[in-house]
């Protein structure tokens, strides 16, 4: 995530205030989020009782002059759900938890991995014990928590990607399969003709979202909604969704829209991008926590070459969607 926040865009467009409905990086909440917030209260109580020196050291390196969190900020973990809000922050070199980004898994999903594993691994151990000591039929029961645990680990993986850097390149914002390419006569945000490209993400895809271009976030929009299957076309406008308006840092500073849309299983949108924040092409800005959709709307103009077709499998940050000449 970039720490660069601007007040005006390179194209001299107004940078709008952050949508007030996006009060945290995961505006839809969720059971795992509530468990993690409860753990945060216990962790802060422990730190204030037994780790006062640690708290003083981190207070000396903390930046910012306000706190948007509803609790006291003692270390960077307290900012996890408020990373898209103005306020306190730590530089990367002062953040003792930056290394968690190198685990190979989505940092935003580590709590879910721990919580699900705390349930599934003991169940797996119990069934293996029963299979060894009572009946081999228990091996069939052991297969269920084993497969679920494997899916949880696979779902939250965060592989490295090689990002194409050629000027005018637009990369995929998500992993999955292209299930819609639609021409739009006029888009209010883009201010002209546009093309919408939609990606369906199955439970087996990486669910990290990446920006398609080097850009500045100039606006954000969030809307609550249903949780229809992402395979249904109506899910695009009826389901819960979060949208970012991105202005390219390259002239002529085109505007694009990227949407995160929930599915029947994936009901938690995560977005840590702030309005005014600048991203390089292919940088991560959020994720959707099982099957879901991501849409990209880009200007349709002379010199645009769309390089994907219906049914193509794409990877976020590395598959080239389109090129502008």
C-alpha atoms as a PDB file:
ATOM      1  CA  UNK A   1       0.000   0.000   0.000  1.00  0.00           C
ATOM      2  CA  UNK A   2       1.201   3.450  -0.877  1.00  0.00           C
ATOM      3  CA  UNK A   3       1.610   6.166   1.766  1.00  0.00           C
ATOM      4  CA  UNK A   4       1.441   8.938  -0.839  1.00  0.00           C
ATOM      5  CA  UNK A   5      -1.764  10.956  -0.437  1.00  0.00           C
ATOM      6  CA  UNK A   6      -2.402  13.930  -2.712  1.00  0.00           C
ATOM      7  CA  UNK A   7      -4.871  16.788  -2.442  1.00  0.00           C
ATOM      8  CA  UNK A   8      -5.148  17.398  -6.194  1.00  0.00           C
ATOM      9  CA  UNK A   9      -4.885  14.932  -9.056  1.00  0.00           C
ATOM     10  CA  UNK A  10      -2.298  15.163 -11.872  1.00  0.00           C
ATOM     11  CA  UNK A  11      -5.188  15.857 -14.260  1.00  0.00           C
ATOM     12  CA  UNK A  12      -6.457  18.709 -12.066  1.00  0.00           C
ATOM     13  CA  UNK A  13      -9.626  16.813 -11.132  1.00  0.00           C
ATOM     14  CA  UNK A  14     -11.246  17.314  -7.776  1.00  0.00           C
ATOM     15  CA  UNK A  15     -10.334  14.611  -5.280  1.00  0.00           C
ATOM     16  CA  UNK A  16     -13.577  13.850  -3.498  1.00  0.00           C
ATOM     17  CA  UNK A  17     -13.870  13.088   0.211  1.00  0.00           C
ATOM     18  CA  UNK A  18     -13.814   9.437   1.167  1.00  0.00           C
ATOM     19  CA  UNK A  19     -17.314   7.921   1.077  1.00  0.00           C
ATOM     20  CA  UNK A  20     -18.570   8.216   4.668  1.00  0.00           C
ATOM     21  CA  UNK A  21     -20.079   4.713   4.446  1.00  0.00           C
ATOM     22  CA  UNK A  22     -16.565   3.293   4.084  1.00  0.00           C
ATOM     23  CA  UNK A  23     -15.808   3.772   7.771  1.00  0.00           C
ATOM     24  CA  UNK A  24     -13.132   1.057   7.765  1.00  0.00           C
ATOM     25  CA  UNK A  25     -11.379  -1.238   5.295  1.00  0.00           C
ATOM     26  CA  UNK A  26     -14.112  -3.882   5.697  1.00  0.00           C
ATOM     27  CA  UNK A  27     -17.378  -1.908   5.833  1.00  0.00           C
ATOM     28  CA  UNK A  28     -19.530  -5.061   5.729  1.00  0.00           C
ATOM     29  CA  UNK A  29     -18.139  -6.293   9.064  1.00  0.00           C
ATOM     30  CA  UNK A  30     -18.358 -10.017   9.734  1.00  0.00           C
ATOM     31  CA  UNK A  31     -17.961 -12.632  12.467  1.00  0.00           C
ATOM     32  CA  UNK A  32     -14.191 -13.012  12.015  1.00  0.00           C
ATOM     33  CA  UNK A  33     -13.777  -9.239  12.141  1.00  0.00           C
ATOM     34  CA  UNK A  34     -15.715  -9.088  15.423  1.00  0.00           C
ATOM     35  CA  UNK A  35     -13.525 -11.841  16.879  1.00  0.00           C
ATOM     36  CA  UNK A  36     -10.395  -9.993  15.783  1.00  0.00           C
ATOM     37  CA  UNK A  37     -11.656  -6.732  17.304  1.00  0.00           C
ATOM     38  CA  UNK A  38     -12.342  -8.530  20.600  1.00  0.00           C
ATOM     39  CA  UNK A  39      -8.826  -9.950  20.512  1.00  0.00           C
ATOM     40  CA  UNK A  40      -7.532  -6.416  19.954  1.00  0.00           C
ATOM     41  CA  UNK A  41      -9.104  -5.240  23.222  1.00  0.00           C
ATOM     42  CA  UNK A  42      -7.408  -8.105  25.101  1.00  0.00           C
ATOM     43  CA  UNK A  43      -4.086  -7.445  23.357  1.00  0.00           C
ATOM     44  CA  UNK A  44      -4.117  -3.738  24.250  1.00  0.00           C
ATOM     45  CA  UNK A  45      -4.915  -4.545  27.881  1.00  0.00           C
ATOM     46  CA  UNK A  46      -1.939  -6.906  27.960  1.00  0.00           C
ATOM     47  CA  UNK A  47       0.397  -4.367  26.353  1.00  0.00           C
ATOM     48  CA  UNK A  48      -0.599  -1.575  28.749  1.00  0.00           C
ATOM     49  CA  UNK A  49      -0.037  -3.890  31.706  1.00  0.00           C
ATOM     50  CA  UNK A  50       3.141  -5.753  30.771  1.00  0.00           C
ATOM     51  CA  UNK A  51       4.749  -3.990  27.767  1.00  0.00           C
ATOM     52  CA  UNK A  52       4.866  -0.312  28.677  1.00  0.00           C
ATOM     53  CA  UNK A  53       8.380   0.154  27.306  1.00  0.00           C
ATOM     54  CA  UNK A  54       7.277  -1.295  23.972  1.00  0.00           C
ATOM     55  CA  UNK A  55       4.355   1.155  23.892  1.00  0.00           C
ATOM     56  CA  UNK A  56       6.659   4.121  24.614  1.00  0.00           C
ATOM     57  CA  UNK A  57       9.088   3.116  21.835  1.00  0.00           C
ATOM     58  CA  UNK A  58       6.319   2.850  19.253  1.00  0.00           C
ATOM     59  CA  UNK A  59       4.748   6.125  20.390  1.00  0.00           C
ATOM     60  CA  UNK A  60       8.052   7.851  19.573  1.00  0.00           C
ATOM     61  CA  UNK A  61       7.995   6.640  15.942  1.00  0.00           C
ATOM     62  CA  UNK A  62       4.251   7.073  15.351  1.00  0.00           C
ATOM     63  CA  UNK A  63       3.341   9.745  12.800  1.00  0.00           C
ATOM     64  CA  UNK A  64       0.187  11.817  12.404  1.00  0.00           C
ATOM     65  CA  UNK A  65      -1.691  14.030  14.808  1.00  0.00           C
ATOM     66  CA  UNK A  66      -5.126  12.417  15.060  1.00  0.00           C
ATOM     67  CA  UNK A  67      -6.778   9.098  15.728  1.00  0.00           C
ATOM     68  CA  UNK A  68      -9.761   7.975  13.640  1.00  0.00           C
ATOM     69  CA  UNK A  69      -9.980   4.619  15.439  1.00  0.00           C
ATOM     70  CA  UNK A  70     -12.597   4.051  18.144  1.00  0.00           C
ATOM     71  CA  UNK A  71      -9.841   2.796  20.450  1.00  0.00           C
ATOM     72  CA  UNK A  72      -6.391   3.828  21.612  1.00  0.00           C
ATOM     73  CA  UNK A  73      -3.670   3.203  19.022  1.00  0.00           C
ATOM     74  CA  UNK A  74      -0.704   1.451  20.641  1.00  0.00           C
ATOM     75  CA  UNK A  75       0.943  -0.265  17.677  1.00  0.00           C
ATOM     76  CA  UNK A  76       0.331  -0.703  13.911  1.00  0.00           C
ATOM     77  CA  UNK A  77      -1.998  -3.668  14.436  1.00  0.00           C
ATOM     78  CA  UNK A  78      -4.574  -1.259  15.890  1.00  0.00           C
ATOM     79  CA  UNK A  79      -4.774   0.471  12.491  1.00  0.00           C
ATOM     80  CA  UNK A  80      -5.499  -2.652  10.426  1.00  0.00           C
ATOM     81  CA  UNK A  81      -9.186  -1.910   9.925  1.00  0.00           C
ATOM     82  CA  UNK A  82      -8.632   1.848   9.599  1.00  0.00           C
ATOM     83  CA  UNK A  83      -5.799   1.905   7.075  1.00  0.00           C
ATOM     84  CA  UNK A  84      -8.054   3.765   4.607  1.00  0.00           C
ATOM     85  CA  UNK A  85      -8.748   6.599   7.052  1.00  0.00           C
ATOM     86  CA  UNK A  86      -6.604   9.661   7.829  1.00  0.00           C
ATOM     87  CA  UNK A  87      -4.828   9.678  11.160  1.00  0.00           C
ATOM     88  CA  UNK A  88      -1.937   7.926  12.858  1.00  0.00           C
ATOM     89  CA  UNK A  89       0.531   5.820  10.890  1.00  0.00           C
ATOM     90  CA  UNK A  90       4.019   4.343  11.058  1.00  0.00           C
ATOM     91  CA  UNK A  91       6.645   4.415   8.329  1.00  0.00           C
ATOM     92  CA  UNK A  92       7.453   0.951   6.985  1.00  0.00           C
ATOM     93  CA  UNK A  93      10.888   0.929   8.590  1.00  0.00           C
ATOM     94  CA  UNK A  94       9.316   1.641  11.991  1.00  0.00           C
ATOM     95  CA  UNK A  95       6.517  -0.930  11.668  1.00  0.00           C
ATOM     96  CA  UNK A  96       7.586  -4.174  13.401  1.00  0.00           C
ATOM     97  CA  UNK A  97       4.802  -6.081  11.623  1.00  0.00           C
ATOM     98  CA  UNK A  98       5.698  -5.239   8.006  1.00  0.00           C
ATOM     99  CA  UNK A  99       7.242  -8.697   7.672  1.00  0.00           C
ATOM    100  CA  UNK A 100       3.794 -10.254   7.728  1.00  0.00           C
ATOM    101  CA  UNK A 101       3.437  -9.105   4.113  1.00  0.00           C
ATOM    102  CA  UNK A 102       6.154 -11.621   3.193  1.00  0.00           C
ATOM    103  CA  UNK A 103       4.352 -14.706   4.504  1.00  0.00           C
ATOM    104  CA  UNK A 104       2.915 -15.471   1.061  1.00  0.00           C
ATOM    105  CA  UNK A 105      -0.637 -14.937   2.278  1.00  0.00           C
ATOM    106  CA  UNK A 106      -2.979 -11.951   2.225  1.00  0.00           C
ATOM    107  CA  UNK A 107      -2.304  -9.941   5.375  1.00  0.00           C
ATOM    108  CA  UNK A 108      -5.980  -8.966   5.457  1.00  0.00           C
ATOM    109  CA  UNK A 109      -6.898 -12.654   5.745  1.00  0.00           C
ATOM    110  CA  UNK A 110      -4.455 -13.845   8.405  1.00  0.00           C
ATOM    111  CA  UNK A 111      -7.085 -13.666  11.151  1.00  0.00           C
ATOM    112  CA  UNK A 112      -9.514 -15.804   9.128  1.00  0.00           C
ATOM    113  CA  UNK A 113      -6.758 -18.362   8.518  1.00  0.00           C
ATOM    114  CA  UNK A 114      -6.025 -18.564  12.256  1.00  0.00           C
ATOM    115  CA  UNK A 115      -9.702 -18.742  13.268  1.00  0.00           C
ATOM    116  CA  UNK A 116     -10.649 -21.417  10.729  1.00  0.00           C
ATOM    117  CA  UNK A 117      -7.488 -23.414  11.497  1.00  0.00           C
ATOM    118  CA  UNK A 118      -8.277 -23.310  15.215  1.00  0.00           C
ATOM    119  CA  UNK A 119     -11.511 -25.183  14.414  1.00  0.00           C
ATOM    120  CA  UNK A 120     -10.453 -27.418  11.532  1.00  0.00           C
ATOM    121  CA  UNK A 121      -7.054 -28.691  12.720  1.00  0.00           C
ATOM    122  CA  UNK A 122      -8.305 -30.077  16.076  1.00  0.00           C
ATOM    123  CA  UNK A 123     -11.172 -31.756  14.200  1.00  0.00           C
ATOM    124  CA  UNK A 124      -8.699 -33.243  11.744  1.00  0.00           C
ATOM    125  CA  UNK A 125      -6.481 -34.489  14.590  1.00  0.00           C
ATOM    126  CA  UNK A 126      -9.480 -36.076  16.338  1.00  0.00           C
ATOM    127  CA  UNK A 127     -10.643 -37.919  13.212  1.00  0.00           C
ATOM    128  CA  UNK A 128      -7.111 -39.173  12.495  1.00  0.00           C
ATOM    129  CA  UNK A 129      -6.869 -40.450  16.079  1.00  0.00           C
ATOM    130  CA  UNK A 130     -10.200 -42.259  15.724  1.00  0.00           C
ATOM    131  CA  UNK A 131      -9.184 -43.680  12.345  1.00  0.00           C
ATOM    132  CA  UNK A 132      -5.982 -45.116  13.815  1.00  0.00           C
ATOM    133  CA  UNK A 133      -7.418 -46.413  17.073  1.00  0.00           C
ATOM    134  CA  UNK A 134     -11.038 -47.336  16.287  1.00  0.00           C
ATOM    135  CA  UNK A 135     -12.095 -47.701  12.665  1.00  0.00           C
ATOM    136  CA  UNK A 136     -10.546 -46.878   9.285  1.00  0.00           C
ATOM    137  CA  UNK A 137     -13.936 -45.409   8.290  1.00  0.00           C
ATOM    138  CA  UNK A 138     -12.952 -42.292  10.238  1.00  0.00           C
ATOM    139  CA  UNK A 139     -10.476 -41.496   7.457  1.00  0.00           C
ATOM    140  CA  UNK A 140     -13.461 -40.455   5.343  1.00  0.00           C
ATOM    141  CA  UNK A 141     -14.549 -38.013   8.056  1.00  0.00           C
ATOM    142  CA  UNK A 142     -10.964 -36.686   8.331  1.00  0.00           C
ATOM    143  CA  UNK A 143     -11.059 -35.818   4.649  1.00  0.00           C
ATOM    144  CA  UNK A 144     -13.651 -33.071   5.269  1.00  0.00           C
ATOM    145  CA  UNK A 145     -11.614 -30.806   7.633  1.00  0.00           C
ATOM    146  CA  UNK A 146      -8.477 -31.589   5.614  1.00  0.00           C
ATOM    147  CA  UNK A 147     -10.018 -30.325   2.362  1.00  0.00           C
ATOM    148  CA  UNK A 148     -11.582 -27.297   4.080  1.00  0.00           C
ATOM    149  CA  UNK A 149      -8.258 -26.353   5.683  1.00  0.00           C
ATOM    150  CA  UNK A 150      -6.490 -26.757   2.330  1.00  0.00           C
ATOM    151  CA  UNK A 151      -9.078 -24.467   0.686  1.00  0.00           C
ATOM    152  CA  UNK A 152      -8.690 -21.791   3.384  1.00  0.00           C
ATOM    153  CA  UNK A 153      -4.910 -21.760   2.929  1.00  0.00           C
ATOM    154  CA  UNK A 154      -5.228 -21.788  -0.881  1.00  0.00           C
ATOM    155  CA  UNK A 155      -7.858 -19.036  -0.880  1.00  0.00           C
ATOM    156  CA  UNK A 156      -5.756 -16.537   1.061  1.00  0.00           C
ATOM    157  CA  UNK A 157      -2.522 -17.094  -0.865  1.00  0.00           C
ATOM    158  CA  UNK A 158      -0.807 -13.976  -2.165  1.00  0.00           C
ATOM    159  CA  UNK A 159       1.619 -14.862  -4.968  1.00  0.00           C
ATOM    160  CA  UNK A 160       4.105 -12.388  -6.396  1.00  0.00           C
ATOM    161  CA  UNK A 161       3.297 -11.023  -9.847  1.00  0.00           C
ATOM    162  CA  UNK A 162       5.419  -9.610 -12.649  1.00  0.00           C
ATOM    163  CA  UNK A 163       3.731  -6.340 -13.637  1.00  0.00           C
ATOM    164  CA  UNK A 164       4.117  -5.105 -17.258  1.00  0.00           C
ATOM    165  CA  UNK A 165       5.467  -1.550 -17.217  1.00  0.00           C
ATOM    166  CA  UNK A 166       4.950  -0.423 -20.839  1.00  0.00           C
ATOM    167  CA  UNK A 167       3.188   2.972 -21.117  1.00  0.00           C
ATOM    168  CA  UNK A 168      -0.514   2.766 -21.926  1.00  0.00           C
ATOM    169  CA  UNK A 169      -0.839  -0.764 -20.521  1.00  0.00           C
ATOM    170  CA  UNK A 170      -3.953  -1.730 -18.530  1.00  0.00           C
ATOM    171  CA  UNK A 171      -3.592  -4.880 -16.413  1.00  0.00           C
ATOM    172  CA  UNK A 172      -6.244  -7.090 -14.879  1.00  0.00           C
ATOM    173  CA  UNK A 173      -7.542  -5.964 -11.462  1.00  0.00           C
ATOM    174  CA  UNK A 174      -8.370  -9.545 -10.396  1.00  0.00           C
ATOM    175  CA  UNK A 175      -7.731 -13.236 -10.983  1.00  0.00           C
ATOM    176  CA  UNK A 176     -10.477 -15.265 -12.615  1.00  0.00           C
ATOM    177  CA  UNK A 177     -12.331 -15.707 -15.894  1.00  0.00           C
ATOM    178  CA  UNK A 178     -13.676 -12.993 -18.212  1.00  0.00           C
ATOM    179  CA  UNK A 179     -17.444 -13.424 -18.289  1.00  0.00           C
ATOM    180  CA  UNK A 180     -18.562 -10.079 -19.723  1.00  0.00           C
ATOM    181  CA  UNK A 181     -17.231  -7.533 -22.218  1.00  0.00           C
ATOM    182  CA  UNK A 182     -19.758  -4.788 -22.847  1.00  0.00           C
ATOM    183  CA  UNK A 183     -19.646  -1.504 -24.733  1.00  0.00           C
ATOM    184  CA  UNK A 184     -21.219   1.467 -22.942  1.00  0.00           C
ATOM    185  CA  UNK A 185     -22.453   4.399 -25.033  1.00  0.00           C
ATOM    186  CA  UNK A 186     -21.899   6.958 -22.281  1.00  0.00           C
ATOM    187  CA  UNK A 187     -20.479   6.653 -18.774  1.00  0.00           C
ATOM    188  CA  UNK A 188     -21.142   9.547 -16.399  1.00  0.00           C
ATOM    189  CA  UNK A 189     -17.839   9.217 -14.536  1.00  0.00           C
ATOM    190  CA  UNK A 190     -15.631   8.734 -17.584  1.00  0.00           C
ATOM    191  CA  UNK A 191     -17.562  11.364 -19.522  1.00  0.00           C
ATOM    192  CA  UNK A 192     -17.861   9.436 -22.750  1.00  0.00           C
ATOM    193  CA  UNK A 193     -18.000   5.991 -24.332  1.00  0.00           C
ATOM    194  CA  UNK A 194     -16.602   3.147 -22.280  1.00  0.00           C
ATOM    195  CA  UNK A 195     -16.021  -0.594 -22.143  1.00  0.00           C
ATOM    196  CA  UNK A 196     -16.903  -2.743 -19.129  1.00  0.00           C
ATOM    197  CA  UNK A 197     -14.931  -5.932 -18.544  1.00  0.00           C
ATOM    198  CA  UNK A 198     -16.123  -8.251 -15.771  1.00  0.00           C
ATOM    199  CA  UNK A 199     -14.184 -11.049 -14.078  1.00  0.00           C
ATOM    200  CA  UNK A 200     -15.733 -13.967 -12.213  1.00  0.00           C
ATOM    201  CA  UNK A 201     -13.618 -15.219  -9.302  1.00  0.00           C
ATOM    202  CA  UNK A 202     -14.208 -18.811  -8.204  1.00  0.00           C
ATOM    203  CA  UNK A 203     -13.329 -20.107  -4.738  1.00  0.00           C
ATOM    204  CA  UNK A 204     -10.066 -21.439  -6.211  1.00  0.00           C
ATOM    205  CA  UNK A 205      -8.797 -18.085  -7.519  1.00  0.00           C
ATOM    206  CA  UNK A 206      -6.524 -15.615  -5.737  1.00  0.00           C
ATOM    207  CA  UNK A 207      -8.842 -12.925  -4.357  1.00  0.00           C
ATOM    208  CA  UNK A 208      -6.364 -10.042  -4.041  1.00  0.00           C
ATOM    209  CA  UNK A 209      -7.330  -6.967  -6.115  1.00  0.00           C
ATOM    210  CA  UNK A 210      -4.752  -4.788  -7.863  1.00  0.00           C
ATOM    211  CA  UNK A 211      -5.000  -1.410  -9.589  1.00  0.00           C
ATOM    212  CA  UNK A 212      -4.969  -1.719 -13.402  1.00  0.00           C
ATOM    213  CA  UNK A 213      -2.900   1.435 -14.025  1.00  0.00           C
ATOM    214  CA  UNK A 214      -0.537   3.798 -12.235  1.00  0.00           C
ATOM    215  CA  UNK A 215      -3.106   6.099 -10.725  1.00  0.00           C
ATOM    216  CA  UNK A 216      -4.478   8.447  -8.100  1.00  0.00           C
ATOM    217  CA  UNK A 217      -7.700   7.480  -6.315  1.00  0.00           C
ATOM    218  CA  UNK A 218     -10.026  10.437  -6.865  1.00  0.00           C
ATOM    219  CA  UNK A 219     -13.257   9.044  -5.388  1.00  0.00           C
ATOM    220  CA  UNK A 220     -14.764   6.025  -3.636  1.00  0.00           C
ATOM    221  CA  UNK A 221     -18.320   4.692  -3.516  1.00  0.00           C
ATOM    222  CA  UNK A 222     -19.860   1.975  -1.355  1.00  0.00           C
ATOM    223  CA  UNK A 223     -23.323   0.456  -1.561  1.00  0.00           C
ATOM    224  CA  UNK A 224     -24.887  -2.227   0.587  1.00  0.00           C
ATOM    225  CA  UNK A 225     -26.859  -4.892  -1.229  1.00  0.00           C
ATOM    226  CA  UNK A 226     -27.721  -8.543  -1.674  1.00  0.00           C
ATOM    227  CA  UNK A 227     -25.452 -11.578  -1.837  1.00  0.00           C
ATOM    228  CA  UNK A 228     -26.593 -13.243  -5.048  1.00  0.00           C
ATOM    229  CA  UNK A 229     -24.375 -15.754  -6.817  1.00  0.00           C
ATOM    230  CA  UNK A 230     -21.650 -13.921  -8.737  1.00  0.00           C
ATOM    231  CA  UNK A 231     -22.586 -16.064 -11.762  1.00  0.00           C
ATOM    232  CA  UNK A 232     -25.910 -14.248 -12.054  1.00  0.00           C
ATOM    233  CA  UNK A 233     -25.746 -11.098 -14.235  1.00  0.00           C
ATOM    234  CA  UNK A 234     -28.032  -9.179 -11.847  1.00  0.00           C
ATOM    235  CA  UNK A 235     -25.462  -9.593  -9.062  1.00  0.00           C
ATOM    236  CA  UNK A 236     -23.454  -6.771 -10.673  1.00  0.00           C
ATOM    237  CA  UNK A 237     -26.032  -4.157  -9.664  1.00  0.00           C
ATOM    238  CA  UNK A 238     -27.931  -5.844  -6.804  1.00  0.00           C
ATOM    239  CA  UNK A 239     -25.058  -7.136  -4.647  1.00  0.00           C
ATOM    240  CA  UNK A 240     -22.988  -5.202  -2.146  1.00  0.00           C
ATOM    241  CA  UNK A 241     -20.159  -3.403  -3.913  1.00  0.00           C
ATOM    242  CA  UNK A 242     -17.328  -0.931  -3.463  1.00  0.00           C
ATOM    243  CA  UNK A 243     -16.068   1.216  -6.319  1.00  0.00           C
ATOM    244  CA  UNK A 244     -12.941   3.320  -6.817  1.00  0.00           C
ATOM    245  CA  UNK A 245     -12.489   6.040  -9.434  1.00  0.00           C
ATOM    246  CA  UNK A 246      -8.903   6.023 -10.663  1.00  0.00           C
ATOM    247  CA  UNK A 247      -7.161   8.748 -12.619  1.00  0.00           C
ATOM    248  CA  UNK A 248      -4.105   7.668 -14.593  1.00  0.00           C
ATOM    249  CA  UNK A 249      -0.848   9.382 -13.682  1.00  0.00           C
ATOM    250  CA  UNK A 250       0.106   9.159 -17.368  1.00  0.00           C
ATOM    251  CA  UNK A 251      -1.148  11.856 -19.740  1.00  0.00           C
ATOM    252  CA  UNK A 252      -3.900  12.263 -20.874  1.00  0.00           C
ATOM    253  CA  UNK A 253      -4.916  11.220 -17.332  1.00  0.00           C
ATOM    254  CA  UNK A 254      -7.807   8.920 -18.236  1.00  0.00           C
ATOM    255  CA  UNK A 255     -10.353   7.987 -15.560  1.00  0.00           C
ATOM    256  CA  UNK A 256     -11.285   4.354 -14.924  1.00  0.00           C
ATOM    257  CA  UNK A 257     -13.652   2.675 -12.495  1.00  0.00           C
ATOM    258  CA  UNK A 258     -12.908  -0.563 -10.661  1.00  0.00           C
ATOM    259  CA  UNK A 259     -15.635  -2.364  -8.703  1.00  0.00           C
ATOM    260  CA  UNK A 260     -15.405  -5.041  -6.056  1.00  0.00           C
ATOM    261  CA  UNK A 261     -18.676  -7.002  -5.920  1.00  0.00           C
ATOM    262  CA  UNK A 262     -19.616  -9.602  -3.320  1.00  0.00           C
ATOM    263  CA  UNK A 263     -20.945 -13.057  -4.158  1.00  0.00           C
ATOM    264  CA  UNK A 264     -23.053 -15.708  -2.497  1.00  0.00           C
ATOM    265  CA  UNK A 265     -20.106 -16.958  -0.443  1.00  0.00           C
ATOM    266  CA  UNK A 266     -17.721 -14.023  -0.565  1.00  0.00           C
ATOM    267  CA  UNK A 267     -19.529 -11.447   1.541  1.00  0.00           C
ATOM    268  CA  UNK A 268     -16.696  -9.290   2.810  1.00  0.00           C
ATOM    269  CA  UNK A 269     -15.146  -6.592   0.646  1.00  0.00           C
ATOM    270  CA  UNK A 270     -11.809  -5.252   1.868  1.00  0.00           C
ATOM    271  CA  UNK A 271     -10.368  -2.009   0.461  1.00  0.00           C
ATOM    272  CA  UNK A 272      -7.527  -0.116   2.102  1.00  0.00           C
ATOM    273  CA  UNK A 273      -7.174   2.603  -0.567  1.00  0.00           C
ATOM    274  CA  UNK A 274      -7.727   6.235   0.461  1.00  0.00           C
ATOM    275  CA  UNK A 275      -8.973   8.985  -1.836  1.00  0.00           C
ATOM    276  CA  UNK A 276      -5.959  11.036  -2.840  1.00  0.00           C
ATOM    277  CA  UNK A 277      -3.661   8.026  -2.523  1.00  0.00           C
ATOM    278  CA  UNK A 278      -1.326   7.227  -5.384  1.00  0.00           C
ATOM    279  CA  UNK A 279      -0.618   3.678  -6.588  1.00  0.00           C
ATOM    280  CA  UNK A 280       1.789   2.223  -9.109  1.00  0.00           C
ATOM    281  CA  UNK A 281       0.374  -0.165 -11.710  1.00  0.00           C
ATOM    282  CA  UNK A 282      -0.337  -3.607 -10.245  1.00  0.00           C
ATOM    283  CA  UNK A 283      -0.211  -2.578  -6.590  1.00  0.00           C
ATOM    284  CA  UNK A 284      -2.673  -4.225  -4.229  1.00  0.00           C
ATOM    285  CA  UNK A 285      -5.612  -2.176  -2.989  1.00  0.00           C
ATOM    286  CA  UNK A 286      -7.934  -4.786  -1.467  1.00  0.00           C
ATOM    287  CA  UNK A 287      -9.464  -8.244  -1.623  1.00  0.00           C
ATOM    288  CA  UNK A 288     -12.833  -9.988  -1.490  1.00  0.00           C
ATOM    289  CA  UNK A 289     -13.198 -12.588   1.315  1.00  0.00           C
ATOM    290  CA  UNK A 290     -14.919 -16.766  -1.882  1.00  0.00           C
ATOM    291  CA  UNK A 291     -16.633 -16.609  -5.383  1.00  0.00           C
ATOM    292  CA  UNK A 292     -17.193 -12.973  -6.406  1.00  0.00           C
ATOM    293  CA  UNK A 293     -16.841 -10.431  -9.247  1.00  0.00           C
ATOM    294  CA  UNK A 294     -14.547  -7.565 -10.130  1.00  0.00           C
ATOM    295  CA  UNK A 295     -15.380  -5.100 -12.892  1.00  0.00           C
ATOM    296  CA  UNK A 296     -13.253  -2.584 -14.754  1.00  0.00           C
ATOM    297  CA  UNK A 297     -14.766   0.255 -16.777  1.00  0.00           C
ATOM    298  CA  UNK A 298     -12.303   2.061 -19.035  1.00  0.00           C
ATOM    299  CA  UNK A 299     -12.642   4.777 -21.707  1.00  0.00           C
ATOM    300  CA  UNK A 300     -13.469   3.538 -25.217  1.00  0.00           C
ATOM    301  CA  UNK A 301     -11.531   5.767 -27.574  1.00  0.00           C
ATOM    302  CA  UNK A 302      -9.470   5.658 -30.733  1.00  0.00           C
ATOM    303  CA  UNK A 303      -6.225   3.790 -30.194  1.00  0.00           C
ATOM    304  CA  UNK A 304      -7.635   1.420 -27.551  1.00  0.00           C
ATOM    305  CA  UNK A 305      -6.855  -2.252 -28.149  1.00  0.00           C
ATOM    306  CA  UNK A 306      -8.720  -4.750 -25.931  1.00  0.00           C
ATOM    307  CA  UNK A 307      -6.551  -7.862 -25.592  1.00  0.00           C
ATOM    308  CA  UNK A 308      -8.874 -10.239 -23.693  1.00  0.00           C
ATOM    309  CA  UNK A 309     -11.891 -12.247 -24.832  1.00  0.00           C
ATOM    310  CA  UNK A 310     -14.824 -13.935 -23.136  1.00  0.00           C
ATOM    311  CA  UNK A 311     -13.680 -17.048 -21.303  1.00  0.00           C
ATOM    312  CA  UNK A 312     -10.052 -15.945 -20.948  1.00  0.00           C
ATOM    313  CA  UNK A 313      -8.392 -16.725 -17.633  1.00  0.00           C
ATOM    314  CA  UNK A 314      -6.559 -13.720 -16.202  1.00  0.00           C
ATOM    315  CA  UNK A 315      -4.231 -12.890 -13.331  1.00  0.00           C
ATOM    316  CA  UNK A 316      -4.326  -9.663 -11.362  1.00  0.00           C
ATOM    317  CA  UNK A 317      -1.441  -7.331 -12.067  1.00  0.00           C
ATOM    318  CA  UNK A 318       0.174  -9.443 -14.802  1.00  0.00           C
ATOM    319  CA  UNK A 319      -2.408 -10.144 -17.526  1.00  0.00           C
ATOM    320  CA  UNK A 320      -2.622  -7.244 -19.982  1.00  0.00           C
ATOM    321  CA  UNK A 321      -6.296  -6.296 -20.426  1.00  0.00           C
ATOM    322  CA  UNK A 322      -5.847  -3.523 -22.956  1.00  0.00           C
ATOM    323  CA  UNK A 323      -3.403  -1.010 -24.412  1.00  0.00           C
ATOM    324  CA  UNK A 324      -3.768   2.629 -25.375  1.00  0.00           C
ATOM    325  CA  UNK A 325      -1.629   3.789 -28.291  1.00  0.00           C
END
